[in-house]
Amino acid sequence: ESGDKDTVFPGTRLEKPSNILSPSIGNLSACFPLGR
């Protein structure tokens, strides 16, 4: 979970972790429900 206006750990960067994780763990949605 991330805040869109979080300046400490910016939520705007949160989509990138999902892109990096996806190829390494296969079914991303089964393990990594991404909340915004």
PDB file of all heavy atoms in Angstrom:
ATOM      1  N   GLU A   1       0.840  -1.185   0.000  1.00  0.00           N
ATOM      2  CA  GLU A   1       0.000   0.000   0.000  1.00  0.00           C
ATOM      3  C   GLU A   1       0.883   1.246   0.000  1.00  0.00           C
ATOM      4  O   GLU A   1       1.910   1.285   0.674  1.00  0.00           O
ATOM      5  CB  GLU A   1      -0.887  -0.015   1.252  1.00  0.00           C
ATOM      6  CG  GLU A   1      -1.887   1.111   1.332  1.00  0.00           C
ATOM      7  CD  GLU A   1      -2.765   0.966   2.559  1.00  0.00           C
ATOM      8  OE1 GLU A   1      -2.224   0.954   3.679  1.00  0.00           O
ATOM      9  OE2 GLU A   1      -3.993   0.844   2.409  1.00  0.00           O
ATOM     10  N   SER A   2       0.472   2.240  -0.779  1.00  0.00           N
ATOM     11  CA  SER A   2       1.288   3.448  -0.875  1.00  0.00           C
ATOM     12  C   SER A   2       0.407   4.675  -1.032  1.00  0.00           C
ATOM     13  O   SER A   2      -0.684   4.608  -1.607  1.00  0.00           O
ATOM     14  CB  SER A   2       2.236   3.348  -2.078  1.00  0.00           C
ATOM     15  OG  SER A   2       2.972   4.543  -2.234  1.00  0.00           O
ATOM     16  N   GLY A   3       0.882   5.798  -0.515  1.00  0.00           N
ATOM     17  CA  GLY A   3       0.192   7.071  -0.673  1.00  0.00           C
ATOM     18  C   GLY A   3       0.696   7.804  -1.902  1.00  0.00           C
ATOM     19  O   GLY A   3       1.898   7.917  -2.119  1.00  0.00           O
ATOM     20  N   ASP A   4      -0.239   8.309  -2.721  1.00  0.00           N
ATOM     21  CA  ASP A   4       0.157   9.008  -3.941  1.00  0.00           C
ATOM     22  C   ASP A   4       0.987  10.250  -3.659  1.00  0.00           C
ATOM     23  O   ASP A   4       1.816  10.649  -4.469  1.00  0.00           O
ATOM     24  CB  ASP A   4      -1.088   9.400  -4.746  1.00  0.00           C
ATOM     25  CG  ASP A   4      -1.782   8.183  -5.346  1.00  0.00           C
ATOM     26  OD1 ASP A   4      -1.092   7.165  -5.536  1.00  0.00           O
ATOM     27  OD2 ASP A   4      -2.988   8.260  -5.611  1.00  0.00           O
ATOM     28  N   LYS A   5       0.772  10.869  -2.501  1.00  0.00           N
ATOM     29  CA  LYS A   5       1.483  12.097  -2.169  1.00  0.00           C
ATOM     30  C   LYS A   5       2.585  11.874  -1.129  1.00  0.00           C
ATOM     31  O   LYS A   5       3.048  12.805  -0.487  1.00  0.00           O
ATOM     32  CB  LYS A   5       0.491  13.164  -1.691  1.00  0.00           C
ATOM     33  CG  LYS A   5      -0.526  13.560  -2.752  1.00  0.00           C
ATOM     34  CD  LYS A   5      -1.406  14.704  -2.282  1.00  0.00           C
ATOM     35  CE  LYS A   5      -2.443  15.062  -3.347  1.00  0.00           C
ATOM     36  NZ  LYS A   5      -1.817  15.515  -4.602  1.00  0.00           N
ATOM     37  N   ASP A   6       2.963  10.646  -0.965  1.00  0.00           N
ATOM     38  CA  ASP A   6       4.060  10.303  -0.055  1.00  0.00           C
ATOM     39  C   ASP A   6       5.374  10.743  -0.691  1.00  0.00           C
ATOM     40  O   ASP A   6       5.747  10.265  -1.758  1.00  0.00           O
ATOM     41  CB  ASP A   6       4.048   8.796   0.189  1.00  0.00           C
ATOM     42  CG  ASP A   6       5.130   8.329   1.149  1.00  0.00           C
ATOM     43  OD1 ASP A   6       5.964   9.150   1.547  1.00  0.00           O
ATOM     44  OD2 ASP A   6       5.133   7.142   1.495  1.00  0.00           O
ATOM     45  N   THR A   7       6.088  11.649  -0.027  1.00  0.00           N
ATOM     46  CA  THR A   7       7.368  12.126  -0.551  1.00  0.00           C
ATOM     47  C   THR A   7       8.548  11.357   0.023  1.00  0.00           C
ATOM     48  O   THR A   7       9.671  11.501  -0.458  1.00  0.00           O
ATOM     49  CB  THR A   7       7.555  13.621  -0.226  1.00  0.00           C
ATOM     50  OG1 THR A   7       7.480  13.808   1.200  1.00  0.00           O
ATOM     51  CG2 THR A   7       6.469  14.464  -0.896  1.00  0.00           C
ATOM     52  N   VAL A   8       8.323  10.545   1.062  1.00  0.00           N
ATOM     53  CA  VAL A   8       9.402   9.777   1.678  1.00  0.00           C
ATOM     54  C   VAL A   8       9.660   8.498   0.886  1.00  0.00           C
ATOM     55  O   VAL A   8      10.797   8.180   0.515  1.00  0.00           O
ATOM     56  CB  VAL A   8       9.067   9.452   3.147  1.00  0.00           C
ATOM     57  CG1 VAL A   8      10.224   8.677   3.797  1.00  0.00           C
ATOM     58  CG2 VAL A   8       8.802  10.733   3.925  1.00  0.00           C
ATOM     59  N   PHE A   9       8.575   7.758   0.641  1.00  0.00           N
ATOM     60  CA  PHE A   9       8.637   6.585  -0.231  1.00  0.00           C
ATOM     61  C   PHE A   9       7.571   6.794  -1.308  1.00  0.00           C
ATOM     62  O   PHE A   9       6.437   6.318  -1.175  1.00  0.00           O
ATOM     63  CB  PHE A   9       8.381   5.294   0.549  1.00  0.00           C
ATOM     64  CG  PHE A   9       9.454   4.976   1.551  1.00  0.00           C
ATOM     65  CD1 PHE A   9       9.286   5.261   2.896  1.00  0.00           C
ATOM     66  CD2 PHE A   9      10.654   4.404   1.141  1.00  0.00           C
ATOM     67  CE1 PHE A   9      10.283   4.969   3.818  1.00  0.00           C
ATOM     68  CE2 PHE A   9      11.655   4.102   2.050  1.00  0.00           C
ATOM     69  CZ  PHE A   9      11.471   4.396   3.389  1.00  0.00           C
ATOM     70  N   PRO A  10       7.896   7.550  -2.358  1.00  0.00           N
ATOM     71  CA  PRO A  10       6.897   8.044  -3.314  1.00  0.00           C
ATOM     72  C   PRO A  10       6.046   6.952  -3.943  1.00  0.00           C
ATOM     73  O   PRO A  10       6.556   5.970  -4.486  1.00  0.00           O
ATOM     74  CB  PRO A  10       7.752   8.746  -4.379  1.00  0.00           C
ATOM     75  CG  PRO A  10       9.035   9.070  -3.680  1.00  0.00           C
ATOM     76  CD  PRO A  10       9.251   7.959  -2.702  1.00  0.00           C
ATOM     77  N   GLY A  11       4.726   7.141  -3.863  1.00  0.00           N
ATOM     78  CA  GLY A  11       3.812   6.191  -4.475  1.00  0.00           C
ATOM     79  C   GLY A  11       3.909   6.176  -5.979  1.00  0.00           C
ATOM     80  O   GLY A  11       3.552   5.196  -6.626  1.00  0.00           O
ATOM     81  N   THR A  12       4.402   7.272  -6.554  1.00  0.00           N
ATOM     82  CA  THR A  12       4.528   7.332  -8.012  1.00  0.00           C
ATOM     83  C   THR A  12       5.546   6.334  -8.537  1.00  0.00           C
ATOM     84  O   THR A  12       5.565   6.023  -9.733  1.00  0.00           O
ATOM     85  CB  THR A  12       4.950   8.745  -8.452  1.00  0.00           C
ATOM     86  OG1 THR A  12       6.146   9.115  -7.747  1.00  0.00           O
ATOM     87  CG2 THR A  12       3.854   9.742  -8.145  1.00  0.00           C
ATOM     88  N   ARG A  13       6.405   5.818  -7.657  1.00  0.00           N
ATOM     89  CA  ARG A  13       7.412   4.833  -8.059  1.00  0.00           C
ATOM     90  C   ARG A  13       6.922   3.403  -7.876  1.00  0.00           C
ATOM     91  O   ARG A  13       7.647   2.457  -8.161  1.00  0.00           O
ATOM     92  CB  ARG A  13       8.681   5.009  -7.219  1.00  0.00           C
ATOM     93  CG  ARG A  13       9.248   6.423  -7.249  1.00  0.00           C
ATOM     94  CD  ARG A  13      10.335   6.544  -8.261  1.00  0.00           C
ATOM     95  NE  ARG A  13      10.946   7.865  -8.261  1.00  0.00           N
ATOM     96  CZ  ARG A  13      12.007   8.197  -8.973  1.00  0.00           C
ATOM     97  NH1 ARG A  13      12.577   7.294  -9.737  1.00  0.00           N
ATOM     98  NH2 ARG A  13      12.495   9.411  -8.943  1.00  0.00           N
ATOM     99  N   LEU A  14       5.695   3.238  -7.383  1.00  0.00           N
ATOM    100  CA  LEU A  14       5.256   1.926  -6.960  1.00  0.00           C
ATOM    101  C   LEU A  14       4.989   0.976  -8.117  1.00  0.00           C
ATOM    102  O   LEU A  14       5.061  -0.230  -7.955  1.00  0.00           O
ATOM    103  CB  LEU A  14       3.992   2.063  -6.106  1.00  0.00           C
ATOM    104  CG  LEU A  14       3.580   0.823  -5.305  1.00  0.00           C
ATOM    105  CD1 LEU A  14       4.715   0.365  -4.416  1.00  0.00           C
ATOM    106  CD2 LEU A  14       2.359   1.136  -4.468  1.00  0.00           C
ATOM    107  N   GLU A  15       4.677   1.502  -9.287  1.00  0.00           N
ATOM    108  CA  GLU A  15       4.417   0.617 -10.414  1.00  0.00           C
ATOM    109  C   GLU A  15       5.700  -0.086 -10.872  1.00  0.00           C
ATOM    110  O   GLU A  15       5.656  -1.191 -11.384  1.00  0.00           O
ATOM    111  CB  GLU A  15       3.806   1.403 -11.570  1.00  0.00           C
ATOM    112  CG  GLU A  15       2.406   1.917 -11.247  1.00  0.00           C
ATOM    113  CD  GLU A  15       1.821   2.702 -12.394  1.00  0.00           C
ATOM    114  OE1 GLU A  15       2.527   2.843 -13.414  1.00  0.00           O
ATOM    115  OE2 GLU A  15       0.683   3.168 -12.283  1.00  0.00           O
ATOM    116  N   LYS A  16       6.824   0.562 -10.683  1.00  0.00           N
ATOM    117  CA  LYS A  16       8.080  -0.030 -11.133  1.00  0.00           C
ATOM    118  C   LYS A  16       8.421  -1.323 -10.395  1.00  0.00           C
ATOM    119  O   LYS A  16       8.863  -2.285 -11.018  1.00  0.00           O
ATOM    120  CB  LYS A  16       9.216   0.979 -11.003  1.00  0.00           C
ATOM    121  CG  LYS A  16       9.071   2.141 -11.986  1.00  0.00           C
ATOM    122  CD  LYS A  16      10.246   3.086 -11.893  1.00  0.00           C
ATOM    123  CE  LYS A  16      10.110   4.230 -12.906  1.00  0.00           C
ATOM    124  NZ  LYS A  16      11.242   5.166 -12.839  1.00  0.00           N
ATOM    125  N   PRO A  17       8.222  -1.396  -9.043  1.00  0.00           N
ATOM    126  CA  PRO A  17       8.503  -2.670  -8.389  1.00  0.00           C
ATOM    127  C   PRO A  17       7.693  -3.818  -8.955  1.00  0.00           C
ATOM    128  O   PRO A  17       8.189  -4.934  -9.092  1.00  0.00           O
ATOM    129  CB  PRO A  17       8.131  -2.391  -6.924  1.00  0.00           C
ATOM    130  CG  PRO A  17       8.355  -0.936  -6.758  1.00  0.00           C
ATOM    131  CD  PRO A  17       7.965  -0.323  -8.085  1.00  0.00           C
ATOM    132  N   SER A  18       6.418  -3.576  -9.319  1.00  0.00           N
ATOM    133  CA  SER A  18       5.610  -4.659  -9.863  1.00  0.00           C
ATOM    134  C   SER A  18       6.149  -5.130 -11.199  1.00  0.00           C
ATOM    135  O   SER A  18       6.111  -6.312 -11.520  1.00  0.00           O
ATOM    136  CB  SER A  18       4.154  -4.201 -10.009  1.00  0.00           C
ATOM    137  OG  SER A  18       4.049  -3.168 -10.970  1.00  0.00           O
ATOM    138  N   ASN A  19       6.676  -4.205 -11.985  1.00  0.00           N
ATOM    139  CA  ASN A  19       7.237  -4.594 -13.281  1.00  0.00           C
ATOM    140  C   ASN A  19       8.502  -5.423 -13.111  1.00  0.00           C
ATOM    141  O   ASN A  19       8.793  -6.317 -13.896  1.00  0.00           O
ATOM    142  CB  ASN A  19       7.550  -3.342 -14.105  1.00  0.00           C
ATOM    143  CG  ASN A  19       6.280  -2.604 -14.505  1.00  0.00           C
ATOM    144  OD1 ASN A  19       5.224  -3.202 -14.587  1.00  0.00           O
ATOM    145  ND2 ASN A  19       6.397  -1.318 -14.724  1.00  0.00           N
ATOM    146  N   ILE A  20       9.281  -5.102 -12.079  1.00  0.00           N
ATOM    147  CA  ILE A  20      10.517  -5.839 -11.835  1.00  0.00           C
ATOM    148  C   ILE A  20      10.218  -7.223 -11.269  1.00  0.00           C
ATOM    149  O   ILE A  20      10.841  -8.217 -11.616  1.00  0.00           O
ATOM    150  CB  ILE A  20      11.428  -5.057 -10.865  1.00  0.00           C
ATOM    151  CG1 ILE A  20      11.847  -3.716 -11.506  1.00  0.00           C
ATOM    152  CG2 ILE A  20      12.667  -5.866 -10.502  1.00  0.00           C
ATOM    153  CD1 ILE A  20      12.591  -2.813 -10.555  1.00  0.00           C
ATOM    154  N   LEU A  21       9.214  -7.299 -10.387  1.00  0.00           N
ATOM    155  CA  LEU A  21       8.878  -8.559  -9.744  1.00  0.00           C
ATOM    156  C   LEU A  21       8.243  -9.548 -10.701  1.00  0.00           C
ATOM    157  O   LEU A  21       8.469 -10.744 -10.625  1.00  0.00           O
ATOM    158  CB  LEU A  21       7.902  -8.304  -8.590  1.00  0.00           C
ATOM    159  CG  LEU A  21       8.516  -7.988  -7.228  1.00  0.00           C
ATOM    160  CD1 LEU A  21       7.413  -7.584  -6.263  1.00  0.00           C
ATOM    161  CD2 LEU A  21       9.280  -9.171  -6.672  1.00  0.00           C
ATOM    162  N   SER A  22       7.432  -9.038 -11.607  1.00  0.00           N
ATOM    163  CA  SER A  22       6.587  -9.899 -12.430  1.00  0.00           C
ATOM    164  C   SER A  22       7.321 -11.026 -13.138  1.00  0.00           C
ATOM    165  O   SER A  22       6.924 -12.181 -13.045  1.00  0.00           O
ATOM    166  CB  SER A  22       5.817  -9.050 -13.450  1.00  0.00           C
ATOM    167  OG  SER A  22       4.962  -9.853 -14.211  1.00  0.00           O
ATOM    168  N   PRO A  23       8.420 -10.750 -13.850  1.00  0.00           N
ATOM    169  CA  PRO A  23       9.065 -11.853 -14.562  1.00  0.00           C
ATOM    170  C   PRO A  23       9.738 -12.874 -13.664  1.00  0.00           C
ATOM    171  O   PRO A  23       9.983 -14.004 -14.074  1.00  0.00           O
ATOM    172  CB  PRO A  23      10.100 -11.140 -15.441  1.00  0.00           C
ATOM    173  CG  PRO A  23      10.307  -9.817 -14.813  1.00  0.00           C
ATOM    174  CD  PRO A  23       9.056  -9.464 -14.105  1.00  0.00           C
ATOM    175  N   SER A  24      10.033 -12.496 -12.415  1.00  0.00           N
ATOM    176  CA  SER A  24      10.785 -13.399 -11.547  1.00  0.00           C
ATOM    177  C   SER A  24       9.905 -14.339 -10.744  1.00  0.00           C
ATOM    178  O   SER A  24      10.353 -15.386 -10.300  1.00  0.00           O
ATOM    179  CB  SER A  24      11.681 -12.602 -10.588  1.00  0.00           C
ATOM    180  OG  SER A  24      10.892 -11.808  -9.727  1.00  0.00           O
ATOM    181  N   ILE A  25       8.619 -13.980 -10.553  1.00  0.00           N
ATOM    182  CA  ILE A  25       7.773 -14.826  -9.726  1.00  0.00           C
ATOM    183  C   ILE A  25       6.572 -15.372 -10.464  1.00  0.00           C
ATOM    184  O   ILE A  25       5.727 -16.033  -9.871  1.00  0.00           O
ATOM    185  CB  ILE A  25       7.298 -14.068  -8.471  1.00  0.00           C
ATOM    186  CG1 ILE A  25       6.422 -12.868  -8.867  1.00  0.00           C
ATOM    187  CG2 ILE A  25       8.457 -13.630  -7.622  1.00  0.00           C
ATOM    188  CD1 ILE A  25       5.827 -12.175  -7.670  1.00  0.00           C
ATOM    189  N   GLY A  26       6.471 -15.085 -11.747  1.00  0.00           N
ATOM    190  CA  GLY A  26       5.393 -15.675 -12.529  1.00  0.00           C
ATOM    191  C   GLY A  26       4.074 -14.969 -12.311  1.00  0.00           C
ATOM    192  O   GLY A  26       3.903 -13.836 -12.694  1.00  0.00           O
ATOM    193  N   ASN A  27       3.128 -15.651 -11.657  1.00  0.00           N
ATOM    194  CA  ASN A  27       1.795 -15.106 -11.473  1.00  0.00           C
ATOM    195  C   ASN A  27       1.804 -14.015 -10.407  1.00  0.00           C
ATOM    196  O   ASN A  27       1.674 -14.274  -9.224  1.00  0.00           O
ATOM    197  CB  ASN A  27       0.823 -16.221 -11.076  1.00  0.00           C
ATOM    198  CG  ASN A  27      -0.614 -15.724 -11.022  1.00  0.00           C
ATOM    199  OD1 ASN A  27      -0.891 -14.560 -11.295  1.00  0.00           O
ATOM    200  ND2 ASN A  27      -1.521 -16.620 -10.684  1.00  0.00           N
ATOM    201  N   LEU A  28       1.958 -12.775 -10.826  1.00  0.00           N
ATOM    202  CA  LEU A  28       2.104 -11.661  -9.904  1.00  0.00           C
ATOM    203  C   LEU A  28       0.861 -11.456  -9.069  1.00  0.00           C
ATOM    204  O   LEU A  28       0.932 -11.215  -7.868  1.00  0.00           O
ATOM    205  CB  LEU A  28       2.417 -10.392 -10.697  1.00  0.00           C
ATOM    206  CG  LEU A  28       2.804  -9.141  -9.903  1.00  0.00           C
ATOM    207  CD1 LEU A  28       4.115  -9.366  -9.185  1.00  0.00           C
ATOM    208  CD2 LEU A  28       2.914  -7.940 -10.837  1.00  0.00           C
ATOM    209  N   SER A  29      -0.312 -11.562  -9.673  1.00  0.00           N
ATOM    210  CA  SER A  29      -1.550 -11.261  -8.962  1.00  0.00           C
ATOM    211  C   SER A  29      -1.823 -12.243  -7.834  1.00  0.00           C
ATOM    212  O   SER A  29      -2.492 -11.915  -6.859  1.00  0.00           O
ATOM    213  CB  SER A  29      -2.732 -11.259  -9.936  1.00  0.00           C
ATOM    214  OG  SER A  29      -2.876 -12.525 -10.541  1.00  0.00           O
ATOM    215  N   ALA A  30      -1.279 -13.448  -7.932  1.00  0.00           N
ATOM    216  CA  ALA A  30      -1.518 -14.449  -6.894  1.00  0.00           C
ATOM    217  C   ALA A  30      -0.717 -14.171  -5.638  1.00  0.00           C
ATOM    218  O   ALA A  30      -1.057 -14.650  -4.564  1.00  0.00           O
ATOM    219  CB  ALA A  30      -1.164 -15.836  -7.424  1.00  0.00           C
ATOM    220  N   CYS A  31       0.340 -13.400  -5.777  1.00  0.00           N
ATOM    221  CA  CYS A  31       1.242 -13.189  -4.641  1.00  0.00           C
ATOM    222  C   CYS A  31       1.355 -11.729  -4.246  1.00  0.00           C
ATOM    223  O   CYS A  31       1.608 -11.416  -3.101  1.00  0.00           O
ATOM    224  CB  CYS A  31       2.628 -13.712  -5.007  1.00  0.00           C
ATOM    225  SG  CYS A  31       3.940 -13.215  -3.915  1.00  0.00           S
ATOM    226  N   PHE A  32       1.124 -10.845  -5.154  1.00  0.00           N
ATOM    227  CA  PHE A  32       1.516  -9.454  -4.956  1.00  0.00           C
ATOM    228  C   PHE A  32       0.360  -8.514  -5.309  1.00  0.00           C
ATOM    229  O   PHE A  32       0.417  -7.782  -6.272  1.00  0.00           O
ATOM    230  CB  PHE A  32       2.727  -9.179  -5.855  1.00  0.00           C
ATOM    231  CG  PHE A  32       3.396  -7.850  -5.640  1.00  0.00           C
ATOM    232  CD1 PHE A  32       4.124  -7.602  -4.510  1.00  0.00           C
ATOM    233  CD2 PHE A  32       3.307  -6.861  -6.605  1.00  0.00           C
ATOM    234  CE1 PHE A  32       4.771  -6.384  -4.339  1.00  0.00           C
ATOM    235  CE2 PHE A  32       3.943  -5.644  -6.443  1.00  0.00           C
ATOM    236  CZ  PHE A  32       4.670  -5.416  -5.304  1.00  0.00           C
ATOM    237  N   PRO A  33      -0.760  -8.549  -4.545  1.00  0.00           N
ATOM    238  CA  PRO A  33      -1.854  -7.639  -4.826  1.00  0.00           C
ATOM    239  C   PRO A  33      -1.423  -6.207  -4.566  1.00  0.00           C
ATOM    240  O   PRO A  33      -1.093  -5.849  -3.444  1.00  0.00           O
ATOM    241  CB  PRO A  33      -2.955  -8.084  -3.851  1.00  0.00           C
ATOM    242  CG  PRO A  33      -2.263  -8.815  -2.774  1.00  0.00           C
ATOM    243  CD  PRO A  33      -1.022  -9.407  -3.385  1.00  0.00           C
ATOM    244  N   LEU A  34      -1.393  -5.390  -5.578  1.00  0.00           N
ATOM    245  CA  LEU A  34      -0.812  -4.056  -5.486  1.00  0.00           C
ATOM    246  C   LEU A  34      -1.886  -3.041  -5.143  1.00  0.00           C
ATOM    247  O   LEU A  34      -2.790  -2.786  -5.927  1.00  0.00           O
ATOM    248  CB  LEU A  34      -0.158  -3.695  -6.823  1.00  0.00           C
ATOM    249  CG  LEU A  34       0.740  -2.458  -6.853  1.00  0.00           C
ATOM    250  CD1 LEU A  34       1.902  -2.650  -5.899  1.00  0.00           C
ATOM    251  CD2 LEU A  34       1.228  -2.213  -8.267  1.00  0.00           C
ATOM    252  N   GLY A  35      -1.840  -2.463  -3.941  1.00  0.00           N
ATOM    253  CA  GLY A  35      -2.839  -1.499  -3.511  1.00  0.00           C
ATOM    254  C   GLY A  35      -2.350  -0.079  -3.682  1.00  0.00           C
ATOM    255  O   GLY A  35      -1.190   0.225  -3.470  1.00  0.00           O
ATOM    256  N   ARG A  36      -3.232   0.787  -4.063  1.00  0.00           N
ATOM    257  CA  ARG A  36      -2.903   2.195  -4.212  1.00  0.00           C
ATOM    258  C   ARG A  36      -3.928   3.016  -3.459  1.00  0.00           C
ATOM    259  O   ARG A  36      -5.127   2.763  -3.537  1.00  0.00           O
ATOM    260  CB  ARG A  36      -2.919   2.599  -5.690  1.00  0.00           C
ATOM    261  CG  ARG A  36      -1.858   1.921  -6.522  1.00  0.00           C
ATOM    262  CD  ARG A  36      -0.456   2.288  -6.105  1.00  0.00           C
ATOM    263  NE  ARG A  36      -0.223   3.722  -6.124  1.00  0.00           N
ATOM    264  CZ  ARG A  36       0.130   4.422  -7.205  1.00  0.00           C
ATOM    265  NH1 ARG A  36       0.284   3.797  -8.357  1.00  0.00           N
ATOM    266  NH2 ARG A  36       0.342   5.711  -7.151  1.00  0.00           N
TER     267      ARG A  36
END
